Amino acid sequence: CMPRIINDYGRCDGLINNARAGQRTVPLQETAKNIGDS
């Protein structure tokens, strides 16, 4: 990803890691998949 961006745009000045995944679950009812996605 980053090598492609630097090649296409010539530079990268900053990265904002904002993405999230997984679903809001009932307390103590987490699944392995939800943990892995998050």
PDB file of all heavy atoms in Angstrom:
ATOM      1  N   CYS A   1       0.798  -1.221   0.000  1.00  0.00           N
ATOM      2  CA  CYS A   1       0.000   0.000   0.000  1.00  0.00           C
ATOM      3  C   CYS A   1       0.835   1.278   0.000  1.00  0.00           C
ATOM      4  O   CYS A   1       0.730   2.108  -0.908  1.00  0.00           O
ATOM      5  CB  CYS A   1      -0.932  -0.029   1.200  1.00  0.00           C
ATOM      6  SG  CYS A   1      -2.211   1.219   1.127  1.00  0.00           S
ATOM      7  N   MET A   2       1.649   1.475   1.015  1.00  0.00           N
ATOM      8  CA  MET A   2       2.408   2.720   1.138  1.00  0.00           C
ATOM      9  C   MET A   2       3.423   2.892   0.008  1.00  0.00           C
ATOM     10  O   MET A   2       3.538   4.001  -0.541  1.00  0.00           O
ATOM     11  CB  MET A   2       3.081   2.791   2.504  1.00  0.00           C
ATOM     12  CG  MET A   2       3.590   4.172   2.860  1.00  0.00           C
ATOM     13  SD  MET A   2       2.282   5.436   2.995  1.00  0.00           S
ATOM     14  CE  MET A   2       1.435   4.897   4.480  1.00  0.00           C
ATOM     15  N   PRO A   3       4.171   1.840  -0.389  1.00  0.00           N
ATOM     16  CA  PRO A   3       5.064   2.009  -1.545  1.00  0.00           C
ATOM     17  C   PRO A   3       4.322   2.448  -2.804  1.00  0.00           C
ATOM     18  O   PRO A   3       4.831   3.263  -3.584  1.00  0.00           O
ATOM     19  CB  PRO A   3       5.678   0.615  -1.712  1.00  0.00           C
ATOM     20  CG  PRO A   3       5.633   0.017  -0.346  1.00  0.00           C
ATOM     21  CD  PRO A   3       4.351   0.521   0.247  1.00  0.00           C
ATOM     22  N   ARG A   4       3.114   1.930  -2.990  1.00  0.00           N
ATOM     23  CA  ARG A   4       2.321   2.327  -4.163  1.00  0.00           C
ATOM     24  C   ARG A   4       1.934   3.797  -4.087  1.00  0.00           C
ATOM     25  O   ARG A   4       2.028   4.523  -5.086  1.00  0.00           O
ATOM     26  CB  ARG A   4       1.070   1.452  -4.258  1.00  0.00           C
ATOM     27  CG  ARG A   4       0.099   1.869  -5.352  1.00  0.00           C
ATOM     28  CD  ARG A   4      -1.123   0.977  -5.374  1.00  0.00           C
ATOM     29  NE  ARG A   4      -2.147   1.506  -6.262  1.00  0.00           N
ATOM     30  CZ  ARG A   4      -3.330   0.933  -6.446  1.00  0.00           C
ATOM     31  NH1 ARG A   4      -3.638  -0.189  -5.811  1.00  0.00           N
ATOM     32  NH2 ARG A   4      -4.219   1.477  -7.267  1.00  0.00           N
ATOM     33  N   ILE A   5       1.514   4.242  -2.922  1.00  0.00           N
ATOM     34  CA  ILE A   5       1.114   5.644  -2.760  1.00  0.00           C
ATOM     35  C   ILE A   5       2.303   6.573  -2.986  1.00  0.00           C
ATOM     36  O   ILE A   5       2.201   7.585  -3.689  1.00  0.00           O
ATOM     37  CB  ILE A   5       0.508   5.864  -1.356  1.00  0.00           C
ATOM     38  CG1 ILE A   5      -0.841   5.141  -1.249  1.00  0.00           C
ATOM     39  CG2 ILE A   5       0.339   7.356  -1.060  1.00  0.00           C
ATOM     40  CD1 ILE A   5      -1.396   5.084   0.150  1.00  0.00           C
ATOM     41  N   ILE A   6       3.451   6.236  -2.402  1.00  0.00           N
ATOM     42  CA  ILE A   6       4.647   7.074  -2.558  1.00  0.00           C
ATOM     43  C   ILE A   6       5.091   7.113  -4.015  1.00  0.00           C
ATOM     44  O   ILE A   6       5.501   8.157  -4.530  1.00  0.00           O
ATOM     45  CB  ILE A   6       5.767   6.557  -1.635  1.00  0.00           C
ATOM     46  CG1 ILE A   6       5.373   6.772  -0.174  1.00  0.00           C
ATOM     47  CG2 ILE A   6       7.084   7.261  -1.954  1.00  0.00           C
ATOM     48  CD1 ILE A   6       6.266   6.065   0.815  1.00  0.00           C
ATOM     49  N   ASN A   7       4.960   5.988  -4.694  1.00  0.00           N
ATOM     50  CA  ASN A   7       5.320   5.953  -6.113  1.00  0.00           C
ATOM     51  C   ASN A   7       4.366   6.806  -6.950  1.00  0.00           C
ATOM     52  O   ASN A   7       4.800   7.554  -7.841  1.00  0.00           O
ATOM     53  CB  ASN A   7       5.304   4.510  -6.617  1.00  0.00           C
ATOM     54  CG  ASN A   7       5.660   4.407  -8.091  1.00  0.00           C
ATOM     55  OD1 ASN A   7       6.802   4.612  -8.480  1.00  0.00           O
ATOM     56  ND2 ASN A   7       4.679   4.077  -8.923  1.00  0.00           N
ATOM     57  N   ASP A   8       3.066   6.718  -6.657  1.00  0.00           N
ATOM     58  CA  ASP A   8       2.063   7.430  -7.449  1.00  0.00           C
ATOM     59  C   ASP A   8       2.040   8.931  -7.162  1.00  0.00           C
ATOM     60  O   ASP A   8       1.791   9.740  -8.067  1.00  0.00           O
ATOM     61  CB  ASP A   8       0.670   6.856  -7.189  1.00  0.00           C
ATOM     62  CG  ASP A   8       0.504   5.457  -7.767  1.00  0.00           C
ATOM     63  OD1 ASP A   8       1.394   5.023  -8.537  1.00  0.00           O
ATOM     64  OD2 ASP A   8      -0.496   4.796  -7.439  1.00  0.00           O
ATOM     65  N   TYR A   9       2.272   9.326  -5.899  1.00  0.00           N
ATOM     66  CA  TYR A   9       2.137  10.730  -5.513  1.00  0.00           C
ATOM     67  C   TYR A   9       3.475  11.410  -5.233  1.00  0.00           C
ATOM     68  O   TYR A   9       3.525  12.618  -5.018  1.00  0.00           O
ATOM     69  CB  TYR A   9       1.235  10.851  -4.283  1.00  0.00           C
ATOM     70  CG  TYR A   9      -0.200  10.457  -4.572  1.00  0.00           C
ATOM     71  CD1 TYR A   9      -0.616   9.135  -4.436  1.00  0.00           C
ATOM     72  CD2 TYR A   9      -1.131  11.405  -4.991  1.00  0.00           C
ATOM     73  CE1 TYR A   9      -1.913   8.762  -4.712  1.00  0.00           C
ATOM     74  CE2 TYR A   9      -2.433  11.040  -5.265  1.00  0.00           C
ATOM     75  CZ  TYR A   9      -2.828   9.719  -5.121  1.00  0.00           C
ATOM     76  OH  TYR A   9      -4.116   9.348  -5.416  1.00  0.00           O
ATOM     77  N   GLY A  10       4.536  10.634  -5.190  1.00  0.00           N
ATOM     78  CA  GLY A  10       5.864  11.212  -5.019  1.00  0.00           C
ATOM     79  C   GLY A  10       6.272  11.489  -3.594  1.00  0.00           C
ATOM     80  O   GLY A  10       7.429  11.823  -3.325  1.00  0.00           O
ATOM     81  N   ARG A  11       5.350  11.317  -2.650  1.00  0.00           N
ATOM     82  CA  ARG A  11       5.667  11.606  -1.256  1.00  0.00           C
ATOM     83  C   ARG A  11       4.509  11.156  -0.366  1.00  0.00           C
ATOM     84  O   ARG A  11       3.414  10.858  -0.848  1.00  0.00           O
ATOM     85  CB  ARG A  11       5.902  13.102  -1.042  1.00  0.00           C
ATOM     86  CG  ARG A  11       4.681  13.966  -1.347  1.00  0.00           C
ATOM     87  CD  ARG A  11       5.005  15.448  -1.311  1.00  0.00           C
ATOM     88  NE  ARG A  11       5.385  15.887   0.025  1.00  0.00           N
ATOM     89  CZ  ARG A  11       6.080  17.006   0.245  1.00  0.00           C
ATOM     90  NH1 ARG A  11       6.457  17.764  -0.772  1.00  0.00           N
ATOM     91  NH2 ARG A  11       6.377  17.361   1.483  1.00  0.00           N
ATOM     92  N   CYS A  12       4.753  11.140   0.930  1.00  0.00           N
ATOM     93  CA  CYS A  12       3.689  10.961   1.922  1.00  0.00           C
ATOM     94  C   CYS A  12       4.113  11.720   3.177  1.00  0.00           C
ATOM     95  O   CYS A  12       5.183  11.475   3.724  1.00  0.00           O
ATOM     96  CB  CYS A  12       3.450   9.489   2.244  1.00  0.00           C
ATOM     97  SG  CYS A  12       2.103   9.249   3.440  1.00  0.00           S
ATOM     98  N   ASP A  13       3.283  12.652   3.605  1.00  0.00           N
ATOM     99  CA  ASP A  13       3.616  13.521   4.738  1.00  0.00           C
ATOM    100  C   ASP A  13       2.945  13.110   6.041  1.00  0.00           C
ATOM    101  O   ASP A  13       3.339  13.587   7.105  1.00  0.00           O
ATOM    102  CB  ASP A  13       3.232  14.965   4.397  1.00  0.00           C
ATOM    103  CG  ASP A  13       3.990  15.480   3.195  1.00  0.00           C
ATOM    104  OD1 ASP A  13       5.135  15.894   3.356  1.00  0.00           O
ATOM    105  OD2 ASP A  13       3.432  15.433   2.073  1.00  0.00           O
ATOM    106  N   GLY A  14       1.933  12.267   5.950  1.00  0.00           N
ATOM    107  CA  GLY A  14       1.265  11.878   7.181  1.00  0.00           C
ATOM    108  C   GLY A  14       0.281  10.752   6.966  1.00  0.00           C
ATOM    109  O   GLY A  14      -0.218  10.527   5.855  1.00  0.00           O
ATOM    110  N   LEU A  15       0.025  10.020   8.043  1.00  0.00           N
ATOM    111  CA  LEU A  15      -0.878   8.875   8.031  1.00  0.00           C
ATOM    112  C   LEU A  15      -1.850   9.013   9.188  1.00  0.00           C
ATOM    113  O   LEU A  15      -1.433   9.217  10.330  1.00  0.00           O
ATOM    114  CB  LEU A  15      -0.073   7.578   8.157  1.00  0.00           C
ATOM    115  CG  LEU A  15      -0.841   6.295   8.479  1.00  0.00           C
ATOM    116  CD1 LEU A  15      -1.755   5.912   7.324  1.00  0.00           C
ATOM    117  CD2 LEU A  15       0.152   5.156   8.781  1.00  0.00           C
ATOM    118  N   ILE A  16      -3.142   8.904   8.887  1.00  0.00           N
ATOM    119  CA  ILE A  16      -4.164   8.929   9.932  1.00  0.00           C
ATOM    120  C   ILE A  16      -4.836   7.569   9.955  1.00  0.00           C
ATOM    121  O   ILE A  16      -5.576   7.199   9.032  1.00  0.00           O
ATOM    122  CB  ILE A  16      -5.209  10.046   9.699  1.00  0.00           C
ATOM    123  CG1 ILE A  16      -4.535  11.419   9.704  1.00  0.00           C
ATOM    124  CG2 ILE A  16      -6.283   9.991  10.788  1.00  0.00           C
ATOM    125  CD1 ILE A  16      -4.085  11.904   8.354  1.00  0.00           C
ATOM    126  N   ASN A  17      -4.578   6.794  11.007  1.00  0.00           N
ATOM    127  CA  ASN A  17      -5.159   5.466  11.169  1.00  0.00           C
ATOM    128  C   ASN A  17      -6.494   5.598  11.892  1.00  0.00           C
ATOM    129  O   ASN A  17      -6.546   5.704  13.121  1.00  0.00           O
ATOM    130  CB  ASN A  17      -4.204   4.570  11.963  1.00  0.00           C
ATOM    131  CG  ASN A  17      -2.965   4.210  11.184  1.00  0.00           C
ATOM    132  OD1 ASN A  17      -3.053   3.704  10.071  1.00  0.00           O
ATOM    133  ND2 ASN A  17      -1.792   4.480  11.749  1.00  0.00           N
ATOM    134  N   ASN A  18      -7.568   5.596  11.114  1.00  0.00           N
ATOM    135  CA  ASN A  18      -8.898   5.835  11.670  1.00  0.00           C
ATOM    136  C   ASN A  18      -9.824   4.628  11.566  1.00  0.00           C
ATOM    137  O   ASN A  18     -10.761   4.498  12.353  1.00  0.00           O
ATOM    138  CB  ASN A  18      -9.532   7.027  10.928  1.00  0.00           C
ATOM    139  CG  ASN A  18     -11.016   7.144  11.176  1.00  0.00           C
ATOM    140  OD1 ASN A  18     -11.451   7.573  12.233  1.00  0.00           O
ATOM    141  ND2 ASN A  18     -11.811   6.736  10.191  1.00  0.00           N
ATOM    142  N   ALA A  19      -9.574   3.722  10.624  1.00  0.00           N
ATOM    143  CA  ALA A  19     -10.516   2.639  10.340  1.00  0.00           C
ATOM    144  C   ALA A  19     -10.691   1.706  11.541  1.00  0.00           C
ATOM    145  O   ALA A  19      -9.769   1.491  12.330  1.00  0.00           O
ATOM    146  CB  ALA A  19     -10.043   1.840   9.134  1.00  0.00           C
ATOM    147  N   ARG A  20     -11.891   1.163  11.625  1.00  0.00           N
ATOM    148  CA  ARG A  20     -12.198   0.154  12.632  1.00  0.00           C
ATOM    149  C   ARG A  20     -13.048  -0.936  11.992  1.00  0.00           C
ATOM    150  O   ARG A  20     -13.606  -0.760  10.907  1.00  0.00           O
ATOM    151  CB  ARG A  20     -12.959   0.753  13.819  1.00  0.00           C
ATOM    152  CG  ARG A  20     -14.303   1.363  13.445  1.00  0.00           C
ATOM    153  CD  ARG A  20     -15.172   1.642  14.650  1.00  0.00           C
ATOM    154  NE  ARG A  20     -15.639   0.418  15.287  1.00  0.00           N
ATOM    155  CZ  ARG A  20     -16.550   0.390  16.285  1.00  0.00           C
ATOM    156  NH1 ARG A  20     -17.043   1.527  16.743  1.00  0.00           N
ATOM    157  NH2 ARG A  20     -16.927  -0.744  16.805  1.00  0.00           N
ATOM    158  N   ALA A  21     -13.141  -2.060  12.664  1.00  0.00           N
ATOM    159  CA  ALA A  21     -13.972  -3.160  12.185  1.00  0.00           C
ATOM    160  C   ALA A  21     -14.545  -3.881  13.403  1.00  0.00           C
ATOM    161  O   ALA A  21     -14.204  -3.573  14.550  1.00  0.00           O
ATOM    162  CB  ALA A  21     -13.176  -4.119  11.303  1.00  0.00           C
ATOM    163  N   GLY A  22     -15.400  -4.854  13.137  1.00  0.00           N
ATOM    164  CA  GLY A  22     -16.050  -5.563  14.234  1.00  0.00           C
ATOM    165  C   GLY A  22     -17.370  -4.912  14.598  1.00  0.00           C
ATOM    166  O   GLY A  22     -17.610  -3.752  14.288  1.00  0.00           O
ATOM    167  N   GLN A  23     -18.201  -5.666  15.278  1.00  0.00           N
ATOM    168  CA  GLN A  23     -19.531  -5.203  15.650  1.00  0.00           C
ATOM    169  C   GLN A  23     -19.625  -4.962  17.152  1.00  0.00           C
ATOM    170  O   GLN A  23     -18.931  -5.588  17.943  1.00  0.00           O
ATOM    171  CB  GLN A  23     -20.579  -6.255  15.253  1.00  0.00           C
ATOM    172  CG  GLN A  23     -20.578  -6.587  13.764  1.00  0.00           C
ATOM    173  CD  GLN A  23     -20.942  -5.396  12.913  1.00  0.00           C
ATOM    174  OE1 GLN A  23     -21.869  -4.639  13.225  1.00  0.00           O
ATOM    175  NE2 GLN A  23     -20.220  -5.217  11.803  1.00  0.00           N
ATOM    176  N   ARG A  24     -20.493  -3.997  17.535  1.00  0.00           N
ATOM    177  CA  ARG A  24     -20.783  -3.815  18.957  1.00  0.00           C
ATOM    178  C   ARG A  24     -21.548  -5.042  19.441  1.00  0.00           C
ATOM    179  O   ARG A  24     -22.547  -5.432  18.833  1.00  0.00           O
ATOM    180  CB  ARG A  24     -21.610  -2.547  19.160  1.00  0.00           C
ATOM    181  CG  ARG A  24     -21.936  -2.276  20.623  1.00  0.00           C
ATOM    182  CD  ARG A  24     -22.702  -0.979  20.793  1.00  0.00           C
ATOM    183  NE  ARG A  24     -21.872   0.177  20.453  1.00  0.00           N
ATOM    184  CZ  ARG A  24     -22.299   1.433  20.534  1.00  0.00           C
ATOM    185  NH1 ARG A  24     -23.531   1.696  20.917  1.00  0.00           N
ATOM    186  NH2 ARG A  24     -21.487   2.420  20.209  1.00  0.00           N
ATOM    187  N   THR A  25     -21.093  -5.647  20.508  1.00  0.00           N
ATOM    188  CA  THR A  25     -21.689  -6.889  20.978  1.00  0.00           C
ATOM    189  C   THR A  25     -22.220  -6.735  22.406  1.00  0.00           C
ATOM    190  O   THR A  25     -21.870  -5.801  23.132  1.00  0.00           O
ATOM    191  CB  THR A  25     -20.658  -8.028  20.972  1.00  0.00           C
ATOM    192  OG1 THR A  25     -19.596  -7.705  21.882  1.00  0.00           O
ATOM    193  CG2 THR A  25     -20.079  -8.232  19.581  1.00  0.00           C
ATOM    194  N   VAL A  26     -23.053  -7.689  22.786  1.00  0.00           N
ATOM    195  CA  VAL A  26     -23.507  -7.769  24.173  1.00  0.00           C
ATOM    196  C   VAL A  26     -22.299  -8.093  25.051  1.00  0.00           C
ATOM    197  O   VAL A  26     -21.452  -8.913  24.665  1.00  0.00           O
ATOM    198  CB  VAL A  26     -24.581  -8.867  24.328  1.00  0.00           C
ATOM    199  CG1 VAL A  26     -24.984  -9.038  25.789  1.00  0.00           C
ATOM    200  CG2 VAL A  26     -25.791  -8.553  23.453  1.00  0.00           C
ATOM    201  N   PRO A  27     -22.161  -7.447  26.217  1.00  0.00           N
ATOM    202  CA  PRO A  27     -21.008  -7.726  27.086  1.00  0.00           C
ATOM    203  C   PRO A  27     -20.816  -9.221  27.331  1.00  0.00           C
ATOM    204  O   PRO A  27     -21.759  -9.957  27.571  1.00  0.00           O
ATOM    205  CB  PRO A  27     -21.362  -6.984  28.377  1.00  0.00           C
ATOM    206  CG  PRO A  27     -22.212  -5.842  27.917  1.00  0.00           C
ATOM    207  CD  PRO A  27     -23.023  -6.385  26.778  1.00  0.00           C
ATOM    208  N   LEU A  28     -19.568  -9.635  27.229  1.00  0.00           N
ATOM    209  CA  LEU A  28     -19.152 -11.012  27.464  1.00  0.00           C
ATOM    210  C   LEU A  28     -19.692 -11.989  26.431  1.00  0.00           C
ATOM    211  O   LEU A  28     -19.679 -13.204  26.659  1.00  0.00           O
ATOM    212  CB  LEU A  28     -19.539 -11.469  28.887  1.00  0.00           C
ATOM    213  CG  LEU A  28     -19.026 -10.595  30.040  1.00  0.00           C
ATOM    214  CD1 LEU A  28     -19.439 -11.181  31.379  1.00  0.00           C
ATOM    215  CD2 LEU A  28     -17.512 -10.452  29.967  1.00  0.00           C
ATOM    216  N   GLN A  29     -20.143 -11.486  25.286  1.00  0.00           N
ATOM    217  CA  GLN A  29     -20.644 -12.344  24.216  1.00  0.00           C
ATOM    218  C   GLN A  29     -19.815 -12.188  22.943  1.00  0.00           C
ATOM    219  O   GLN A  29     -20.313 -12.342  21.846  1.00  0.00           O
ATOM    220  CB  GLN A  29     -22.124 -12.021  23.922  1.00  0.00           C
ATOM    221  CG  GLN A  29     -23.061 -12.263  25.075  1.00  0.00           C
ATOM    222  CD  GLN A  29     -23.127 -13.731  25.472  1.00  0.00           C
ATOM    223  OE1 GLN A  29     -23.180 -14.598  24.611  1.00  0.00           O
ATOM    224  NE2 GLN A  29     -23.119 -14.007  26.764  1.00  0.00           N
ATOM    225  N   GLU A  30     -18.537 -11.883  23.117  1.00  0.00           N
ATOM    226  CA  GLU A  30     -17.644 -11.676  21.976  1.00  0.00           C
ATOM    227  C   GLU A  30     -17.382 -12.992  21.248  1.00  0.00           C
ATOM    228  O   GLU A  30     -17.322 -14.051  21.849  1.00  0.00           O
ATOM    229  CB  GLU A  30     -16.309 -11.116  22.479  1.00  0.00           C
ATOM    230  CG  GLU A  30     -15.455 -10.514  21.397  1.00  0.00           C
ATOM    231  CD  GLU A  30     -15.793  -9.059  21.139  1.00  0.00           C
ATOM    232  OE1 GLU A  30     -15.735  -8.263  22.081  1.00  0.00           O
ATOM    233  OE2 GLU A  30     -16.113  -8.730  19.993  1.00  0.00           O
ATOM    234  N   THR A  31     -17.240 -12.900  19.922  1.00  0.00           N
ATOM    235  CA  THR A  31     -16.875 -14.082  19.131  1.00  0.00           C
ATOM    236  C   THR A  31     -15.428 -13.957  18.666  1.00  0.00           C
ATOM    237  O   THR A  31     -14.880 -12.856  18.579  1.00  0.00           O
ATOM    238  CB  THR A  31     -17.782 -14.223  17.899  1.00  0.00           C
ATOM    239  OG1 THR A  31     -17.558 -13.112  17.018  1.00  0.00           O
ATOM    240  CG2 THR A  31     -19.245 -14.277  18.310  1.00  0.00           C
ATOM    241  N   ALA A  32     -14.836 -15.082  18.322  1.00  0.00           N
ATOM    242  CA  ALA A  32     -13.458 -15.070  17.838  1.00  0.00           C
ATOM    243  C   ALA A  32     -13.343 -14.254  16.556  1.00  0.00           C
ATOM    244  O   ALA A  32     -12.364 -13.530  16.352  1.00  0.00           O
ATOM    245  CB  ALA A  32     -12.977 -16.501  17.610  1.00  0.00           C
ATOM    246  N   LYS A  33     -14.348 -14.356  15.687  1.00  0.00           N
ATOM    247  CA  LYS A  33     -14.317 -13.597  14.436  1.00  0.00           C
ATOM    248  C   LYS A  33     -14.350 -12.098  14.705  1.00  0.00           C
ATOM    249  O   LYS A  33     -13.622 -11.317  14.087  1.00  0.00           O
ATOM    250  CB  LYS A  33     -15.484 -13.983  13.536  1.00  0.00           C
ATOM    251  CG  LYS A  33     -15.457 -13.261  12.188  1.00  0.00           C
ATOM    252  CD  LYS A  33     -16.634 -13.634  11.315  1.00  0.00           C
ATOM    253  CE  LYS A  33     -16.516 -12.988   9.930  1.00  0.00           C
ATOM    254  NZ  LYS A  33     -16.275 -11.542   9.968  1.00  0.00           N
ATOM    255  N   ASN A  34     -15.212 -11.669  15.630  1.00  0.00           N
ATOM    256  CA  ASN A  34     -15.317 -10.242  15.941  1.00  0.00           C
ATOM    257  C   ASN A  34     -14.002  -9.719  16.521  1.00  0.00           C
ATOM    258  O   ASN A  34     -13.556  -8.620  16.192  1.00  0.00           O
ATOM    259  CB  ASN A  34     -16.465  -9.994  16.919  1.00  0.00           C
ATOM    260  CG  ASN A  34     -17.057  -8.607  16.765  1.00  0.00           C
ATOM    261  OD1 ASN A  34     -17.449  -8.208  15.673  1.00  0.00           O
ATOM    262  ND2 ASN A  34     -17.107  -7.855  17.859  1.00  0.00           N
ATOM    263  N   ILE A  35     -13.390 -10.512  17.372  1.00  0.00           N
ATOM    264  CA  ILE A  35     -12.093 -10.132  17.937  1.00  0.00           C
ATOM    265  C   ILE A  35     -11.055 -10.014  16.826  1.00  0.00           C
ATOM    266  O   ILE A  35     -10.300  -9.037  16.759  1.00  0.00           O
ATOM    267  CB  ILE A  35     -11.635 -11.162  18.988  1.00  0.00           C
ATOM    268  CG1 ILE A  35     -12.593 -11.165  20.181  1.00  0.00           C
ATOM    269  CG2 ILE A  35     -10.205 -10.870  19.444  1.00  0.00           C
ATOM    270  CD1 ILE A  35     -12.364 -12.309  21.151  1.00  0.00           C
ATOM    271  N   GLY A  36     -11.018 -10.996  15.949  1.00  0.00           N
ATOM    272  CA  GLY A  36     -10.058 -10.983  14.859  1.00  0.00           C
ATOM    273  C   GLY A  36     -10.257  -9.803  13.919  1.00  0.00           C
ATOM    274  O   GLY A  36      -9.281  -9.145  13.518  1.00  0.00           O
ATOM    275  N   ASP A  37     -11.518  -9.508  13.570  1.00  0.00           N
ATOM    276  CA  ASP A  37     -11.810  -8.373  12.684  1.00  0.00           C
ATOM    277  C   ASP A  37     -11.343  -7.068  13.306  1.00  0.00           C
ATOM    278  O   ASP A  37     -10.743  -6.220  12.636  1.00  0.00           O
ATOM    279  CB  ASP A  37     -13.311  -8.296  12.394  1.00  0.00           C
ATOM    280  CG  ASP A  37     -13.798  -9.425  11.496  1.00  0.00           C
ATOM    281  OD1 ASP A  37     -12.952 -10.094  10.867  1.00  0.00           O
ATOM    282  OD2 ASP A  37     -15.029  -9.632  11.428  1.00  0.00           O
ATOM    283  N   SER A  38     -11.625  -6.892  14.592  1.00  0.00           N
ATOM    284  CA  SER A  38     -11.255  -5.660  15.280  1.00  0.00           C
ATOM    285  C   SER A  38      -9.747  -5.475  15.324  1.00  0.00           C
ATOM    286  O   SER A  38      -9.231  -4.383  15.044  1.00  0.00           O
ATOM    287  CB  SER A  38     -11.832  -5.676  16.704  1.00  0.00           C
ATOM    288  OG  SER A  38     -11.554  -4.469  17.371  1.00  0.00           O
TER     289      SER A  38
END
